[in-house]
N, C-alpha and C. Protein backbone atom coordinates (compact mmCIF):
# COMPACT_ATOMS: atom_id res chain seq x y z
N MET A 1 -11.71 13.98 -13.35
CA MET A 1 -12.43 13.30 -14.39
C MET A 1 -12.49 11.81 -14.05
N PRO A 2 -13.67 11.20 -14.11
CA PRO A 2 -13.80 9.77 -13.81
C PRO A 2 -13.02 8.90 -14.79
N VAL A 3 -12.49 7.81 -14.27
CA VAL A 3 -11.74 6.85 -15.09
C VAL A 3 -12.55 5.58 -15.18
N PRO A 4 -12.83 5.07 -16.42
CA PRO A 4 -13.60 3.83 -16.53
C PRO A 4 -12.85 2.67 -15.90
N SER A 5 -13.61 1.78 -15.28
CA SER A 5 -12.99 0.66 -14.58
C SER A 5 -13.63 -0.64 -15.01
N PRO A 6 -12.83 -1.68 -15.36
CA PRO A 6 -13.40 -2.96 -15.77
C PRO A 6 -13.84 -3.81 -14.58
N GLY A 7 -13.61 -3.36 -13.37
CA GLY A 7 -13.99 -4.10 -12.17
C GLY A 7 -13.89 -3.18 -10.96
N CYS A 8 -13.97 -3.78 -9.79
CA CYS A 8 -13.88 -3.03 -8.55
C CYS A 8 -12.52 -2.34 -8.47
N ALA A 9 -12.51 -1.06 -8.15
CA ALA A 9 -11.27 -0.28 -8.10
C ALA A 9 -10.37 -0.71 -6.94
N LEU A 10 -10.91 -1.44 -5.97
CA LEU A 10 -10.12 -1.83 -4.81
C LEU A 10 -9.73 -3.30 -4.83
N CYS A 11 -10.69 -4.19 -5.00
CA CYS A 11 -10.39 -5.62 -4.92
C CYS A 11 -10.30 -6.29 -6.29
N ALA A 12 -10.56 -5.54 -7.36
CA ALA A 12 -10.47 -6.01 -8.74
C ALA A 12 -11.48 -7.11 -9.08
N THR A 13 -12.59 -7.19 -8.34
CA THR A 13 -13.66 -8.12 -8.68
C THR A 13 -14.21 -7.72 -10.05
N PRO A 14 -14.32 -8.67 -10.98
CA PRO A 14 -14.82 -8.32 -12.32
C PRO A 14 -16.27 -7.84 -12.26
N GLY A 15 -16.59 -6.92 -13.13
CA GLY A 15 -17.94 -6.40 -13.21
C GLY A 15 -17.92 -4.92 -13.50
N ASP A 16 -19.09 -4.35 -13.70
CA ASP A 16 -19.20 -2.92 -13.98
C ASP A 16 -19.77 -2.24 -12.74
N PHE A 17 -18.91 -1.56 -12.01
CA PHE A 17 -19.33 -0.88 -10.78
C PHE A 17 -19.26 0.63 -10.94
N GLY A 18 -19.29 1.08 -12.19
CA GLY A 18 -19.26 2.50 -12.47
C GLY A 18 -17.83 3.02 -12.54
N PRO A 19 -17.68 4.25 -12.99
CA PRO A 19 -16.35 4.82 -13.12
C PRO A 19 -15.73 5.14 -11.75
N HIS A 20 -14.41 5.14 -11.71
CA HIS A 20 -13.69 5.52 -10.48
C HIS A 20 -13.44 7.02 -10.54
N ASN A 21 -14.09 7.74 -9.65
CA ASN A 21 -13.94 9.19 -9.57
C ASN A 21 -13.19 9.51 -8.28
N PRO A 22 -11.96 10.04 -8.35
CA PRO A 22 -11.17 10.30 -7.15
C PRO A 22 -11.84 11.21 -6.11
N THR A 23 -12.79 12.03 -6.54
CA THR A 23 -13.46 12.93 -5.59
C THR A 23 -14.59 12.25 -4.83
N GLU A 24 -15.00 11.06 -5.27
CA GLU A 24 -16.05 10.31 -4.58
C GLU A 24 -15.44 9.05 -3.97
N PRO A 25 -15.41 8.94 -2.63
CA PRO A 25 -14.68 7.85 -1.96
C PRO A 25 -15.06 6.44 -2.36
N HIS A 26 -16.32 6.15 -2.64
CA HIS A 26 -16.72 4.78 -2.92
C HIS A 26 -17.09 4.53 -4.38
N SER A 27 -16.74 5.46 -5.27
CA SER A 27 -17.06 5.25 -6.68
C SER A 27 -16.16 4.16 -7.26
N GLY A 28 -16.74 3.33 -8.08
CA GLY A 28 -16.00 2.25 -8.73
C GLY A 28 -15.77 1.04 -7.85
N LEU A 29 -16.36 1.01 -6.65
CA LEU A 29 -16.18 -0.13 -5.74
C LEU A 29 -17.38 -1.07 -5.83
N CYS A 30 -17.11 -2.37 -5.66
CA CYS A 30 -18.17 -3.36 -5.68
C CYS A 30 -18.99 -3.25 -4.39
N PRO A 31 -20.21 -3.77 -4.38
CA PRO A 31 -21.05 -3.70 -3.18
C PRO A 31 -20.40 -4.35 -1.95
N ALA A 32 -19.62 -5.41 -2.15
CA ALA A 32 -18.97 -6.08 -1.02
C ALA A 32 -17.96 -5.15 -0.33
N CYS A 33 -17.19 -4.41 -1.11
CA CYS A 33 -16.21 -3.49 -0.53
C CYS A 33 -16.90 -2.33 0.18
N VAL A 34 -17.98 -1.83 -0.43
CA VAL A 34 -18.73 -0.73 0.20
C VAL A 34 -19.34 -1.20 1.50
N THR A 35 -19.95 -2.39 1.50
CA THR A 35 -20.58 -2.94 2.71
C THR A 35 -19.56 -3.22 3.80
N ALA A 36 -18.39 -3.73 3.40
CA ALA A 36 -17.34 -4.04 4.38
C ALA A 36 -16.71 -2.78 4.94
N GLY A 37 -16.99 -1.64 4.32
CA GLY A 37 -16.42 -0.40 4.81
C GLY A 37 -14.92 -0.31 4.58
N LYS A 38 -14.46 -1.00 3.55
CA LYS A 38 -13.03 -0.98 3.25
C LYS A 38 -12.62 0.43 2.82
N PRO A 39 -11.41 0.82 3.17
CA PRO A 39 -10.97 2.13 2.70
C PRO A 39 -10.73 2.11 1.19
N THR A 40 -10.77 3.25 0.59
CA THR A 40 -10.55 3.32 -0.85
C THR A 40 -9.07 3.13 -1.15
N ARG A 41 -8.76 2.85 -2.39
CA ARG A 41 -7.36 2.68 -2.80
C ARG A 41 -6.56 3.94 -2.53
N ASP A 42 -7.16 5.10 -2.79
CA ASP A 42 -6.45 6.35 -2.53
C ASP A 42 -6.11 6.47 -1.05
N GLY A 43 -7.04 6.07 -0.18
CA GLY A 43 -6.77 6.10 1.26
C GLY A 43 -5.66 5.15 1.65
N LEU A 44 -5.66 3.95 1.04
CA LEU A 44 -4.60 2.99 1.32
C LEU A 44 -3.24 3.52 0.86
N GLU A 45 -3.22 4.15 -0.31
CA GLU A 45 -1.97 4.70 -0.83
C GLU A 45 -1.44 5.79 0.10
N GLN A 46 -2.32 6.64 0.57
CA GLN A 46 -1.90 7.71 1.48
C GLN A 46 -1.35 7.12 2.78
N ALA A 47 -1.98 6.08 3.29
CA ALA A 47 -1.52 5.46 4.53
C ALA A 47 -0.13 4.84 4.35
N VAL A 48 0.09 4.19 3.21
CA VAL A 48 1.41 3.58 2.95
C VAL A 48 2.48 4.65 2.88
N VAL A 49 2.18 5.76 2.22
CA VAL A 49 3.16 6.84 2.10
C VAL A 49 3.46 7.46 3.47
N ILE A 50 2.45 7.63 4.30
CA ILE A 50 2.66 8.19 5.64
C ILE A 50 3.53 7.27 6.48
N VAL A 51 3.22 5.98 6.49
CA VAL A 51 4.00 5.02 7.29
C VAL A 51 5.44 4.94 6.77
N ALA A 52 5.61 4.95 5.44
CA ALA A 52 6.96 4.90 4.87
C ALA A 52 7.75 6.13 5.28
N GLY A 53 7.11 7.28 5.26
CA GLY A 53 7.78 8.51 5.68
C GLY A 53 8.19 8.47 7.13
N GLN A 54 7.33 7.92 7.99
CA GLN A 54 7.66 7.81 9.41
C GLN A 54 8.83 6.85 9.62
N SER A 55 8.84 5.73 8.90
CA SER A 55 9.93 4.76 9.02
C SER A 55 11.25 5.37 8.58
N LEU A 56 11.21 6.10 7.47
CA LEU A 56 12.43 6.73 6.98
C LEU A 56 12.92 7.82 7.93
N ALA A 57 12.01 8.59 8.50
CA ALA A 57 12.40 9.64 9.44
C ALA A 57 13.03 9.03 10.69
N ALA A 58 12.48 7.94 11.18
CA ALA A 58 13.04 7.27 12.36
C ALA A 58 14.42 6.71 12.05
N ALA A 59 14.58 6.15 10.86
CA ALA A 59 15.89 5.60 10.47
C ALA A 59 16.92 6.71 10.30
N GLU A 60 16.50 7.84 9.76
CA GLU A 60 17.42 8.97 9.59
C GLU A 60 17.84 9.56 10.92
N ALA A 61 16.98 9.50 11.92
CA ALA A 61 17.29 10.05 13.23
C ALA A 61 18.22 9.14 14.03
N LEU A 62 18.39 7.92 13.60
CA LEU A 62 19.21 6.95 14.32
C LEU A 62 20.70 7.30 14.17
N SER A 63 21.40 7.36 15.27
CA SER A 63 22.84 7.62 15.25
C SER A 63 23.55 6.29 15.01
N LEU A 64 24.16 6.15 13.84
CA LEU A 64 24.80 4.89 13.47
C LEU A 64 25.96 4.55 14.39
N ALA A 65 26.66 5.57 14.88
CA ALA A 65 27.82 5.33 15.73
C ALA A 65 27.43 4.78 17.10
N GLU A 66 26.25 5.12 17.56
CA GLU A 66 25.82 4.73 18.91
C GLU A 66 24.75 3.65 18.94
N ALA A 67 24.24 3.25 17.78
CA ALA A 67 23.13 2.30 17.71
C ALA A 67 23.59 0.88 18.00
N ALA A 68 22.76 0.17 18.73
CA ALA A 68 23.01 -1.25 19.00
C ALA A 68 22.66 -2.04 17.73
N PRO A 69 23.23 -3.22 17.57
CA PRO A 69 22.91 -4.04 16.39
C PRO A 69 21.41 -4.31 16.24
N GLU A 70 20.71 -4.47 17.37
CA GLU A 70 19.27 -4.73 17.30
C GLU A 70 18.53 -3.52 16.72
N GLU A 71 18.96 -2.31 17.10
CA GLU A 71 18.33 -1.11 16.56
C GLU A 71 18.57 -0.99 15.06
N LEU A 72 19.79 -1.26 14.66
CA LEU A 72 20.11 -1.20 13.23
C LEU A 72 19.27 -2.20 12.44
N ALA A 73 19.16 -3.41 12.95
CA ALA A 73 18.38 -4.45 12.27
C ALA A 73 16.90 -4.06 12.18
N TYR A 74 16.37 -3.51 13.28
CA TYR A 74 14.96 -3.10 13.30
C TYR A 74 14.70 -2.01 12.26
N HIS A 75 15.54 -0.96 12.26
CA HIS A 75 15.32 0.15 11.35
C HIS A 75 15.56 -0.24 9.90
N LEU A 76 16.53 -1.09 9.66
CA LEU A 76 16.77 -1.56 8.30
C LEU A 76 15.56 -2.36 7.80
N GLY A 77 15.01 -3.21 8.66
CA GLY A 77 13.82 -3.97 8.29
C GLY A 77 12.62 -3.07 8.03
N ALA A 78 12.45 -2.03 8.87
CA ALA A 78 11.33 -1.10 8.69
C ALA A 78 11.46 -0.34 7.38
N VAL A 79 12.66 0.10 7.06
CA VAL A 79 12.89 0.82 5.80
C VAL A 79 12.63 -0.11 4.62
N LYS A 80 13.09 -1.35 4.71
CA LYS A 80 12.89 -2.32 3.63
C LYS A 80 11.39 -2.54 3.38
N ARG A 81 10.62 -2.75 4.47
CA ARG A 81 9.18 -2.97 4.32
C ARG A 81 8.50 -1.75 3.72
N SER A 82 8.90 -0.55 4.17
CA SER A 82 8.28 0.68 3.66
C SER A 82 8.57 0.86 2.18
N LEU A 83 9.82 0.65 1.79
CA LEU A 83 10.17 0.81 0.38
C LEU A 83 9.46 -0.24 -0.48
N ARG A 84 9.34 -1.45 0.02
CA ARG A 84 8.65 -2.50 -0.74
C ARG A 84 7.18 -2.14 -0.94
N CYS A 85 6.54 -1.61 0.11
CA CYS A 85 5.14 -1.20 -0.01
C CYS A 85 4.99 -0.06 -1.02
N LEU A 86 5.92 0.89 -1.00
CA LEU A 86 5.86 1.99 -1.96
C LEU A 86 6.02 1.48 -3.39
N LEU A 87 6.95 0.56 -3.59
CA LEU A 87 7.15 0.00 -4.92
C LEU A 87 5.93 -0.78 -5.39
N GLN A 88 5.24 -1.45 -4.47
CA GLN A 88 4.04 -2.21 -4.84
C GLN A 88 2.92 -1.28 -5.26
N LEU A 89 2.92 -0.04 -4.75
CA LEU A 89 1.91 0.91 -5.20
C LEU A 89 2.13 1.28 -6.66
N LEU A 90 3.41 1.36 -7.04
CA LEU A 90 3.73 1.73 -8.42
C LEU A 90 3.54 0.57 -9.38
N ALA A 91 3.99 -0.61 -9.00
CA ALA A 91 3.87 -1.80 -9.84
C ALA A 91 3.72 -2.99 -8.92
N PRO A 92 2.50 -3.51 -8.75
CA PRO A 92 2.30 -4.63 -7.83
C PRO A 92 3.25 -5.78 -8.10
N VAL A 93 3.87 -6.27 -7.03
CA VAL A 93 4.84 -7.36 -7.13
C VAL A 93 4.11 -8.66 -6.84
N THR A 94 4.28 -9.64 -7.73
CA THR A 94 3.70 -10.95 -7.49
C THR A 94 4.82 -11.89 -7.07
N VAL A 95 4.55 -12.65 -6.03
CA VAL A 95 5.54 -13.59 -5.53
C VAL A 95 5.17 -14.97 -6.04
N GLU A 96 6.09 -15.57 -6.76
CA GLU A 96 5.86 -16.93 -7.27
C GLU A 96 6.33 -17.92 -6.22
N GLU A 97 5.47 -18.86 -5.88
CA GLU A 97 5.83 -19.87 -4.90
C GLU A 97 6.66 -20.93 -5.55
N ASN A 98 7.73 -21.30 -4.89
CA ASN A 98 8.64 -22.32 -5.41
C ASN A 98 8.28 -23.65 -4.74
N ALA A 99 8.14 -24.68 -5.50
CA ALA A 99 7.78 -25.99 -4.95
C ALA A 99 8.92 -26.57 -4.12
N ASP A 100 10.16 -26.10 -4.37
CA ASP A 100 11.31 -26.62 -3.62
C ASP A 100 11.43 -25.97 -2.25
N GLY A 101 10.71 -24.90 -1.97
CA GLY A 101 10.75 -24.30 -0.65
C GLY A 101 11.22 -22.94 -0.75
């Protein structure tokens, strides 16, 4: 069932671009996103989940007893990035810039 959208389903540009229908790849997208050939939000979400799963699988396969510190740091960073991306899919995180640095 289509979901009404107050703007572009991908870039959130204000306007009426029609309802977002998950079965139609470009429904609810503004003309700029369609012209740019940007992937749909559903496609982006699937890609994030796939990459997160690959990062977690690689980290799980790592032998902690035999891993070098560099390997541990790399896999920990990959898992952190994957989990952060997954959380942003659920509730977008906004980063406030601090004037002090």
